[in-house]
Amino acid sequence: MNLRIRDLREDADLTQKQISEIILCDQSLYSKYERGERVLPFDLAVKLADYYQVSLDYLFGRSNKRK
């Protein structure tokens, strides 16, 4: 999943700081989610899926279909 959230962010041309502000999370903590050092909480996963308009299955790598 950490690769998916990084790829989605980069595809949207956003910095970690920008996306962390969107999902109301500290940038250093968000960086740890992207590196796989921390588990992304469900509520933040939902915010990211909503923002990027992808399914949670896609975000968590359970599907290759974005919707």
Protein backbone atom coordinates (compact mmCIF):
# COMPACT_ATOMS: atom_id res chain seq x y z
CA MET A 1 0.00 0.00 0.00
CA ASN A 2 2.80 2.42 0.75
CA LEU A 3 3.86 2.37 -2.91
CA ARG A 4 0.29 3.05 -4.01
CA ILE A 5 -0.12 6.13 -1.85
CA ARG A 6 3.23 7.48 -3.02
CA ASP A 7 2.40 6.81 -6.68
CA LEU A 8 -1.02 8.43 -6.34
CA ARG A 9 0.52 11.48 -4.70
CA GLU A 10 3.23 11.80 -7.32
CA ASP A 11 0.72 11.30 -10.16
CA ALA A 12 -1.26 14.21 -8.70
CA ASP A 13 1.93 16.33 -8.55
CA LEU A 14 1.55 16.86 -4.82
CA THR A 15 4.21 17.07 -2.14
CA GLN A 16 3.99 15.09 1.08
CA LYS A 17 3.33 18.38 2.87
CA GLN A 18 0.39 19.19 0.59
CA ILE A 19 -1.30 15.81 0.97
CA SER A 20 -0.68 15.74 4.70
CA GLU A 21 -2.49 19.08 4.97
CA ILE A 22 -5.38 17.73 2.90
CA ILE A 23 -5.85 14.69 5.15
CA LEU A 24 -5.05 16.63 8.34
CA CYS A 25 -1.95 14.70 9.32
CA ASP A 26 1.61 15.68 10.19
CA GLN A 27 3.99 15.54 7.20
CA SER A 28 6.61 13.48 9.04
CA LEU A 29 3.96 10.92 9.98
CA TYR A 30 2.64 10.81 6.42
CA SER A 31 6.19 10.18 5.21
CA LYS A 32 6.34 7.13 7.49
CA TYR A 33 3.11 5.82 5.93
CA GLU A 34 4.64 6.12 2.46
CA ARG A 35 7.83 4.36 3.56
CA GLY A 36 5.86 1.57 5.22
CA GLU A 37 7.25 2.39 8.65
CA ARG A 38 3.78 2.99 10.11
CA VAL A 39 0.41 1.44 9.32
CA LEU A 40 -2.00 3.89 7.72
CA PRO A 41 -5.07 4.24 9.97
CA PHE A 42 -8.38 3.37 8.38
CA ASP A 43 -9.79 6.90 8.70
CA LEU A 44 -6.83 8.37 6.80
CA ALA A 45 -7.06 5.59 4.21
CA VAL A 46 -10.68 6.57 3.61
CA LYS A 47 -9.71 10.23 3.24
CA LEU A 48 -6.98 9.33 0.71
CA ALA A 49 -9.29 7.01 -1.25
CA ASP A 50 -11.94 9.73 -1.39
CA TYR A 51 -9.43 12.39 -2.40
CA TYR A 52 -7.87 10.30 -5.17
CA GLN A 53 -11.25 8.81 -6.12
CA VAL A 54 -10.04 5.22 -5.84
CA SER A 55 -11.41 2.23 -3.97
CA LEU A 56 -9.97 1.11 -0.66
CA ASP A 57 -9.17 -2.22 -2.34
CA TYR A 58 -7.01 -0.37 -4.86
CA LEU A 59 -5.37 1.71 -2.16
CA PHE A 60 -4.50 -1.38 -0.13
CA GLY A 61 -3.28 -3.33 -3.17
CA ARG A 62 -6.14 -5.84 -3.15
CA SER A 63 -7.20 -4.83 -6.66
CA ASN A 64 -5.66 -3.18 -9.68
CA LYS A 65 -8.97 -1.51 -10.56
CA ARG A 66 -9.02 2.06 -9.34
CA LYS A 67 -12.80 2.12 -8.84
